[in-house]
Amino acid sequence: MQTSVSEAEALDALAAYTLSHGGREFIHQYVVDAAGAQHAKAGDKPVRLAFALIGLFLHIERGFDGRQVQRVHKVLGDRTHNWPPFALPEDRGATTAIDVMAKPEGDARDRAIERWCRSVWASYAASRSAVEALLRQHGVV
């Protein structure tokens, strides 16, 4: 008998896994950003999607680890700013938290988190230049 897991349950389990991970990279930030971008809704505050896309951009394209992304979020969050809206693509990546949690703990799951981030970031390709311009405007890149 196979029990299916909901996306919300998988996200909760994945958060528990990454928060207890103990790695120097702080991979929990990747999960927060991938989930934030993948599950963003039209009525959300613009800062939620902006931060998710910023985190994915910095990690995937600039090689920032989770702690470095977290520091950038803190710096940007401390500034008064009207966050631009980003278009929500219909398809937001083929990989989900359910797929990630299907992998065994350790390197296999950590690699799955990376694939998930890349999948979600690729779905927002049309927003790439706007994210980079926003970071350039704030002196981050």
N, C-alpha and C. Protein backbone atom coordinates (compact mmCIF):
# COMPACT_ATOMS: atom_id res chain seq x y z
N MET A 1 0.84 -1.19 0.00
CA MET A 1 0.00 0.00 0.00
C MET A 1 0.88 1.24 0.00
N GLN A 2 0.73 2.06 -1.03
CA GLN A 2 1.56 3.26 -1.15
C GLN A 2 0.77 4.47 -0.66
N THR A 3 1.39 5.27 0.18
CA THR A 3 0.76 6.47 0.69
C THR A 3 1.30 7.66 -0.07
N SER A 4 0.41 8.48 -0.59
CA SER A 4 0.88 9.67 -1.30
C SER A 4 1.07 10.80 -0.30
N VAL A 5 2.02 11.62 -0.59
CA VAL A 5 2.36 12.76 0.25
C VAL A 5 1.96 14.02 -0.51
N SER A 6 1.34 14.96 0.18
CA SER A 6 0.97 16.22 -0.45
C SER A 6 2.21 17.10 -0.59
N GLU A 7 2.12 18.10 -1.44
CA GLU A 7 3.22 19.05 -1.60
C GLU A 7 3.50 19.77 -0.27
N ALA A 8 2.44 20.13 0.44
CA ALA A 8 2.63 20.81 1.73
C ALA A 8 3.36 19.92 2.72
N GLU A 9 3.00 18.64 2.77
CA GLU A 9 3.69 17.71 3.67
C GLU A 9 5.15 17.53 3.26
N ALA A 10 5.39 17.46 1.96
CA ALA A 10 6.76 17.33 1.47
C ALA A 10 7.58 18.57 1.81
N LEU A 11 6.98 19.74 1.68
CA LEU A 11 7.68 20.98 2.03
C LEU A 11 8.02 21.02 3.51
N ASP A 12 7.07 20.61 4.35
CA ASP A 12 7.33 20.57 5.80
C ASP A 12 8.48 19.61 6.13
N ALA A 13 8.45 18.42 5.53
CA ALA A 13 9.50 17.44 5.78
C ALA A 13 10.84 17.92 5.25
N LEU A 14 10.81 18.58 4.12
CA LEU A 14 12.04 19.10 3.53
C LEU A 14 12.61 20.23 4.39
N ALA A 15 11.75 21.07 4.92
CA ALA A 15 12.22 22.13 5.83
C ALA A 15 12.87 21.53 7.06
N ALA A 16 12.26 20.51 7.63
CA ALA A 16 12.85 19.85 8.80
C ALA A 16 14.21 19.26 8.44
N TYR A 17 14.30 18.64 7.28
CA TYR A 17 15.57 18.05 6.83
C TYR A 17 16.64 19.12 6.68
N THR A 18 16.32 20.20 5.98
CA THR A 18 17.35 21.21 5.71
C THR A 18 17.71 22.02 6.95
N LEU A 19 16.77 22.26 7.83
CA LEU A 19 17.09 23.01 9.05
C LEU A 19 17.97 22.21 9.99
N SER A 20 17.90 20.89 9.91
CA SER A 20 18.75 20.06 10.75
C SER A 20 19.98 19.55 10.00
N HIS A 21 20.18 20.03 8.80
CA HIS A 21 21.24 19.53 7.91
C HIS A 21 22.63 19.72 8.49
N GLY A 22 22.90 20.90 9.01
CA GLY A 22 24.19 21.15 9.62
C GLY A 22 25.31 21.50 8.65
N GLY A 23 25.06 21.53 7.37
CA GLY A 23 26.09 21.87 6.41
C GLY A 23 26.42 23.36 6.45
N ARG A 24 27.62 23.69 6.04
CA ARG A 24 28.07 25.08 6.04
C ARG A 24 27.32 25.94 5.03
N GLU A 25 26.76 25.28 4.03
CA GLU A 25 26.13 25.98 2.92
C GLU A 25 24.77 26.60 3.26
N PHE A 26 24.12 26.12 4.29
CA PHE A 26 22.76 26.51 4.68
C PHE A 26 21.79 26.31 3.52
N ILE A 27 21.60 25.03 3.16
CA ILE A 27 20.76 24.69 2.02
C ILE A 27 19.28 24.98 2.27
N HIS A 28 18.93 25.25 3.50
CA HIS A 28 17.53 25.59 3.78
C HIS A 28 17.11 26.83 2.98
N GLN A 29 18.02 27.76 2.79
CA GLN A 29 17.68 28.97 2.03
C GLN A 29 17.27 28.63 0.60
N TYR A 30 17.91 27.63 0.02
CA TYR A 30 17.56 27.22 -1.35
C TYR A 30 16.12 26.70 -1.39
N VAL A 31 15.74 25.95 -0.38
CA VAL A 31 14.39 25.41 -0.29
C VAL A 31 13.37 26.54 -0.14
N VAL A 32 13.67 27.48 0.72
CA VAL A 32 12.78 28.63 0.92
C VAL A 32 12.57 29.37 -0.40
N ASP A 33 13.65 29.61 -1.12
CA ASP A 33 13.55 30.38 -2.36
C ASP A 33 12.88 29.59 -3.48
N ALA A 34 13.22 28.32 -3.63
CA ALA A 34 12.58 27.50 -4.67
C ALA A 34 11.08 27.37 -4.40
N ALA A 35 10.72 27.10 -3.16
CA ALA A 35 9.30 26.97 -2.81
C ALA A 35 8.58 28.31 -2.99
N GLY A 36 9.22 29.38 -2.58
CA GLY A 36 8.60 30.70 -2.70
C GLY A 36 8.29 31.06 -4.14
N ALA A 37 9.22 30.77 -5.04
CA ALA A 37 9.00 31.07 -6.46
C ALA A 37 8.02 30.09 -7.09
N GLN A 38 8.11 28.82 -6.72
CA GLN A 38 7.25 27.81 -7.34
C GLN A 38 5.80 27.97 -6.91
N HIS A 39 5.57 28.43 -5.70
CA HIS A 39 4.22 28.49 -5.16
C HIS A 39 3.69 29.91 -5.00
N ALA A 40 4.34 30.89 -5.60
CA ALA A 40 3.89 32.28 -5.52
C ALA A 40 2.51 32.41 -6.16
N LYS A 41 1.73 33.32 -5.60
CA LYS A 41 0.38 33.58 -6.10
C LYS A 41 0.25 35.06 -6.46
N ALA A 42 -0.69 35.36 -7.31
CA ALA A 42 -0.89 36.74 -7.78
C ALA A 42 -1.14 37.71 -6.63
N GLY A 43 -1.79 37.29 -5.57
CA GLY A 43 -2.11 38.19 -4.46
C GLY A 43 -1.02 38.34 -3.41
N ASP A 44 0.09 37.63 -3.57
CA ASP A 44 1.18 37.72 -2.60
C ASP A 44 1.83 39.10 -2.62
N LYS A 45 2.45 39.47 -1.52
CA LYS A 45 3.24 40.70 -1.50
C LYS A 45 4.40 40.54 -2.47
N PRO A 46 4.70 41.56 -3.25
CA PRO A 46 5.78 41.45 -4.25
C PRO A 46 7.14 41.08 -3.66
N VAL A 47 7.41 41.42 -2.41
CA VAL A 47 8.70 41.12 -1.80
C VAL A 47 8.93 39.61 -1.72
N ARG A 48 7.88 38.83 -1.54
CA ARG A 48 8.03 37.37 -1.42
C ARG A 48 8.66 36.79 -2.69
N LEU A 49 8.09 37.10 -3.83
CA LEU A 49 8.62 36.57 -5.09
C LEU A 49 9.95 37.22 -5.43
N ALA A 50 10.08 38.51 -5.16
CA ALA A 50 11.35 39.19 -5.44
C ALA A 50 12.49 38.51 -4.69
N PHE A 51 12.30 38.26 -3.40
CA PHE A 51 13.36 37.62 -2.62
C PHE A 51 13.63 36.20 -3.09
N ALA A 52 12.59 35.46 -3.46
CA ALA A 52 12.78 34.10 -3.95
C ALA A 52 13.61 34.11 -5.23
N LEU A 53 13.27 35.01 -6.14
CA LEU A 53 14.01 35.08 -7.41
C LEU A 53 15.43 35.59 -7.20
N ILE A 54 15.60 36.54 -6.31
CA ILE A 54 16.94 37.03 -5.98
C ILE A 54 17.79 35.88 -5.44
N GLY A 55 17.22 35.11 -4.53
CA GLY A 55 17.96 33.98 -3.96
C GLY A 55 18.34 32.95 -5.00
N LEU A 56 17.40 32.61 -5.87
CA LEU A 56 17.70 31.64 -6.92
C LEU A 56 18.75 32.17 -7.89
N PHE A 57 18.62 33.42 -8.28
CA PHE A 57 19.61 34.03 -9.18
C PHE A 57 21.01 33.99 -8.55
N LEU A 58 21.11 34.46 -7.32
CA LEU A 58 22.42 34.52 -6.67
C LEU A 58 23.02 33.13 -6.49
N HIS A 59 22.20 32.16 -6.15
CA HIS A 59 22.72 30.81 -5.96
C HIS A 59 23.08 30.15 -7.29
N ILE A 60 22.15 30.12 -8.22
CA ILE A 60 22.35 29.40 -9.47
C ILE A 60 23.34 30.10 -10.39
N GLU A 61 23.21 31.40 -10.52
CA GLU A 61 24.03 32.11 -11.51
C GLU A 61 25.31 32.70 -10.94
N ARG A 62 25.35 32.97 -9.66
CA ARG A 62 26.53 33.62 -9.08
C ARG A 62 27.23 32.76 -8.04
N GLY A 63 26.71 31.57 -7.76
CA GLY A 63 27.39 30.64 -6.86
C GLY A 63 27.32 30.99 -5.39
N PHE A 64 26.38 31.84 -5.00
CA PHE A 64 26.24 32.18 -3.58
C PHE A 64 25.73 30.96 -2.83
N ASP A 65 26.23 30.77 -1.60
CA ASP A 65 25.65 29.73 -0.77
C ASP A 65 24.46 30.33 0.00
N GLY A 66 23.77 29.50 0.75
CA GLY A 66 22.57 29.95 1.43
C GLY A 66 22.81 31.06 2.43
N ARG A 67 23.93 31.01 3.11
CA ARG A 67 24.22 32.07 4.08
C ARG A 67 24.47 33.41 3.38
N GLN A 68 25.17 33.37 2.26
CA GLN A 68 25.41 34.60 1.50
C GLN A 68 24.09 35.17 0.96
N VAL A 69 23.22 34.31 0.48
CA VAL A 69 21.91 34.76 0.00
C VAL A 69 21.13 35.37 1.16
N GLN A 70 21.17 34.74 2.29
CA GLN A 70 20.46 35.23 3.47
C GLN A 70 20.95 36.64 3.85
N ARG A 71 22.26 36.86 3.78
CA ARG A 71 22.82 38.19 4.08
C ARG A 71 22.31 39.23 3.09
N VAL A 72 22.25 38.88 1.82
CA VAL A 72 21.73 39.82 0.82
C VAL A 72 20.27 40.13 1.11
N HIS A 73 19.49 39.12 1.44
CA HIS A 73 18.08 39.35 1.79
C HIS A 73 17.97 40.32 2.96
N LYS A 74 18.82 40.15 3.95
CA LYS A 74 18.80 41.03 5.13
C LYS A 74 19.12 42.46 4.74
N VAL A 75 20.17 42.65 3.96
CA VAL A 75 20.55 44.01 3.53
C VAL A 75 19.43 44.65 2.74
N LEU A 76 18.88 43.93 1.77
CA LEU A 76 17.81 44.48 0.95
C LEU A 76 16.53 44.71 1.76
N GLY A 77 16.24 43.82 2.68
CA GLY A 77 15.05 43.96 3.50
C GLY A 77 15.11 45.14 4.45
N ASP A 78 16.31 45.53 4.84
CA ASP A 78 16.48 46.67 5.75
C ASP A 78 16.29 48.00 5.03
N ARG A 79 16.28 47.98 3.73
CA ARG A 79 16.12 49.21 2.96
C ARG A 79 14.64 49.40 2.63
N THR A 80 14.23 50.65 2.60
CA THR A 80 12.87 50.94 2.15
C THR A 80 12.85 50.80 0.65
N HIS A 81 11.93 49.98 0.16
CA HIS A 81 11.92 49.74 -1.28
C HIS A 81 10.54 49.27 -1.71
N ASN A 82 10.12 49.74 -2.83
CA ASN A 82 8.90 49.21 -3.45
C ASN A 82 9.34 48.10 -4.39
N TRP A 83 8.98 46.88 -4.07
CA TRP A 83 9.44 45.73 -4.84
C TRP A 83 8.65 45.62 -6.14
N PRO A 84 9.36 45.41 -7.23
CA PRO A 84 8.66 45.29 -8.52
C PRO A 84 7.90 43.97 -8.59
N PRO A 85 6.80 43.99 -9.30
CA PRO A 85 6.10 42.72 -9.52
C PRO A 85 6.82 41.92 -10.60
N PHE A 86 6.79 40.62 -10.47
CA PHE A 86 7.36 39.73 -11.48
C PHE A 86 6.23 38.86 -12.03
N ALA A 87 6.29 38.60 -13.32
CA ALA A 87 5.27 37.76 -13.96
C ALA A 87 5.39 36.34 -13.42
N LEU A 88 4.25 35.72 -13.21
CA LEU A 88 4.20 34.34 -12.75
C LEU A 88 4.05 33.43 -13.96
N PRO A 89 5.08 32.67 -14.29
CA PRO A 89 4.93 31.74 -15.42
C PRO A 89 3.93 30.64 -15.07
N GLU A 90 3.25 30.16 -16.07
CA GLU A 90 2.28 29.09 -15.84
C GLU A 90 2.99 27.83 -15.33
N ASP A 91 4.06 27.46 -16.01
CA ASP A 91 4.87 26.31 -15.60
C ASP A 91 6.01 26.83 -14.74
N ARG A 92 6.14 26.31 -13.53
CA ARG A 92 7.18 26.80 -12.62
C ARG A 92 8.19 25.72 -12.25
N GLY A 93 8.48 24.87 -13.21
CA GLY A 93 9.48 23.85 -12.99
C GLY A 93 8.88 22.48 -12.83
N ALA A 94 9.56 21.51 -13.41
CA ALA A 94 9.06 20.13 -13.39
C ALA A 94 9.33 19.43 -12.06
N THR A 95 10.32 19.87 -11.33
CA THR A 95 10.69 19.23 -10.06
C THR A 95 9.91 19.89 -8.93
N THR A 96 9.50 19.08 -7.96
CA THR A 96 8.76 19.59 -6.80
C THR A 96 9.41 19.09 -5.52
N ALA A 97 8.92 19.60 -4.40
CA ALA A 97 9.41 19.13 -3.10
C ALA A 97 9.12 17.64 -2.92
N ILE A 98 8.05 17.15 -3.51
CA ILE A 98 7.74 15.72 -3.43
C ILE A 98 8.85 14.91 -4.10
N ASP A 99 9.31 15.37 -5.25
CA ASP A 99 10.41 14.70 -5.95
C ASP A 99 11.68 14.71 -5.10
N VAL A 100 11.95 15.84 -4.47
CA VAL A 100 13.15 15.97 -3.64
C VAL A 100 13.09 15.01 -2.47
N MET A 101 11.94 14.97 -1.79
CA MET A 101 11.81 14.10 -0.62
C MET A 101 11.79 12.62 -0.98
N ALA A 102 11.58 12.30 -2.23
CA ALA A 102 11.62 10.89 -2.66
C ALA A 102 13.05 10.36 -2.69
N LYS A 103 14.03 11.26 -2.65
CA LYS A 103 15.44 10.86 -2.65
C LYS A 103 15.89 10.57 -1.22
N PRO A 104 16.82 9.64 -1.07
CA PRO A 104 17.32 9.35 0.29
C PRO A 104 18.10 10.54 0.86
N GLU A 105 18.07 10.64 2.18
CA GLU A 105 18.80 11.71 2.86
C GLU A 105 20.27 11.68 2.48
N GLY A 106 20.88 12.83 2.48
CA GLY A 106 22.30 12.94 2.18
C GLY A 106 22.53 13.53 0.80
N ASP A 107 23.61 13.10 0.17
CA ASP A 107 24.01 13.68 -1.11
C ASP A 107 22.92 13.60 -2.17
N ALA A 108 22.20 12.51 -2.25
CA ALA A 108 21.16 12.36 -3.28
C ALA A 108 20.06 13.40 -3.10
N ARG A 109 19.63 13.62 -1.87
CA ARG A 109 18.59 14.62 -1.62
C ARG A 109 19.15 16.02 -1.82
N ASP A 110 20.38 16.26 -1.40
CA ASP A 110 20.98 17.58 -1.58
C ASP A 110 21.11 17.92 -3.07
N ARG A 111 21.49 16.93 -3.88
CA ARG A 111 21.55 17.15 -5.34
C ARG A 111 20.17 17.39 -5.91
N ALA A 112 19.16 16.73 -5.36
CA ALA A 112 17.78 16.94 -5.81
C ALA A 112 17.31 18.36 -5.49
N ILE A 113 17.72 18.89 -4.34
CA ILE A 113 17.39 20.28 -4.00
C ILE A 113 17.99 21.21 -5.05
N GLU A 114 19.22 20.94 -5.42
CA GLU A 114 19.90 21.76 -6.44
C GLU A 114 19.15 21.68 -7.78
N ARG A 115 18.74 20.48 -8.19
CA ARG A 115 17.98 20.32 -9.44
C ARG A 115 16.65 21.07 -9.37
N TRP A 116 16.02 21.02 -8.21
CA TRP A 116 14.76 21.73 -8.01
C TRP A 116 14.97 23.23 -8.19
N CYS A 117 16.00 23.76 -7.56
CA CYS A 117 16.29 25.19 -7.70
C CYS A 117 16.51 25.57 -9.16
N ARG A 118 17.29 24.77 -9.86
CA ARG A 118 17.56 25.05 -11.28
C ARG A 118 16.30 24.96 -12.12
N SER A 119 15.44 24.02 -11.82
CA SER A 119 14.19 23.85 -12.55
C SER A 119 13.27 25.07 -12.36
N VAL A 120 13.13 25.50 -11.12
CA VAL A 120 12.28 26.65 -10.83
C VAL A 120 12.88 27.91 -11.44
N TRP A 121 14.19 28.11 -11.27
CA TRP A 121 14.83 29.30 -11.82
C TRP A 121 14.68 29.35 -13.34
N ALA A 122 14.84 28.23 -14.01
CA ALA A 122 14.71 28.18 -15.47
C ALA A 122 13.30 28.59 -15.90
N SER A 123 12.31 28.29 -15.10
CA SER A 123 10.93 28.65 -15.46
C SER A 123 10.70 30.16 -15.41
N TYR A 124 11.55 30.87 -14.70
CA TYR A 124 11.45 32.33 -14.59
C TYR A 124 12.47 33.03 -15.49
N ALA A 125 12.91 32.39 -16.54
CA ALA A 125 13.94 32.95 -17.43
C ALA A 125 13.58 34.35 -17.91
N ALA A 126 12.31 34.61 -18.14
CA ALA A 126 11.88 35.92 -18.63
C ALA A 126 12.12 37.03 -17.59
N SER A 127 12.31 36.68 -16.33
CA SER A 127 12.53 37.67 -15.27
C SER A 127 14.00 37.88 -14.95
N ARG A 128 14.87 37.11 -15.58
CA ARG A 128 16.30 37.15 -15.24
C ARG A 128 16.89 38.55 -15.31
N SER A 129 16.68 39.25 -16.41
CA SER A 129 17.30 40.57 -16.57
C SER A 129 16.76 41.56 -15.54
N ALA A 130 15.48 41.46 -15.19
CA ALA A 130 14.90 42.35 -14.19
C ALA A 130 15.48 42.08 -12.80
N VAL A 131 15.70 40.81 -12.48
CA VAL A 131 16.30 40.45 -11.19
C VAL A 131 17.73 40.98 -11.13
N GLU A 132 18.48 40.77 -12.20
CA GLU A 132 19.86 41.25 -12.22
C GLU A 132 19.91 42.77 -12.13
N ALA A 133 19.02 43.46 -12.83
CA ALA A 133 18.98 44.93 -12.78
C ALA A 133 18.65 45.41 -11.36
N LEU A 134 17.74 44.74 -10.70
CA LEU A 134 17.37 45.10 -9.33
C LEU A 134 18.58 44.95 -8.40
N LEU A 135 19.31 43.87 -8.56
CA LEU A 135 20.50 43.64 -7.73
C LEU A 135 21.60 44.64 -8.05
N ARG A 136 21.73 44.97 -9.31
CA ARG A 136 22.73 45.98 -9.72
C ARG A 136 22.37 47.35 -9.13
N GLN A 137 21.09 47.68 -9.17
CA GLN A 137 20.60 48.94 -8.62
C GLN A 137 20.96 49.07 -7.13
N HIS A 138 20.97 47.96 -6.43
CA HIS A 138 21.27 47.98 -4.99
C HIS A 138 22.72 47.62 -4.69
N GLY A 139 23.55 47.55 -5.73
CA GLY A 139 24.97 47.32 -5.53
C GLY A 139 25.34 45.92 -5.10
N VAL A 140 24.50 44.95 -5.38
CA VAL A 140 24.78 43.56 -4.98
C VAL A 140 25.62 42.85 -6.04
N VAL A 141 25.34 43.08 -7.30
CA VAL A 141 26.12 42.46 -8.39
C VAL A 141 26.70 43.52 -9.29
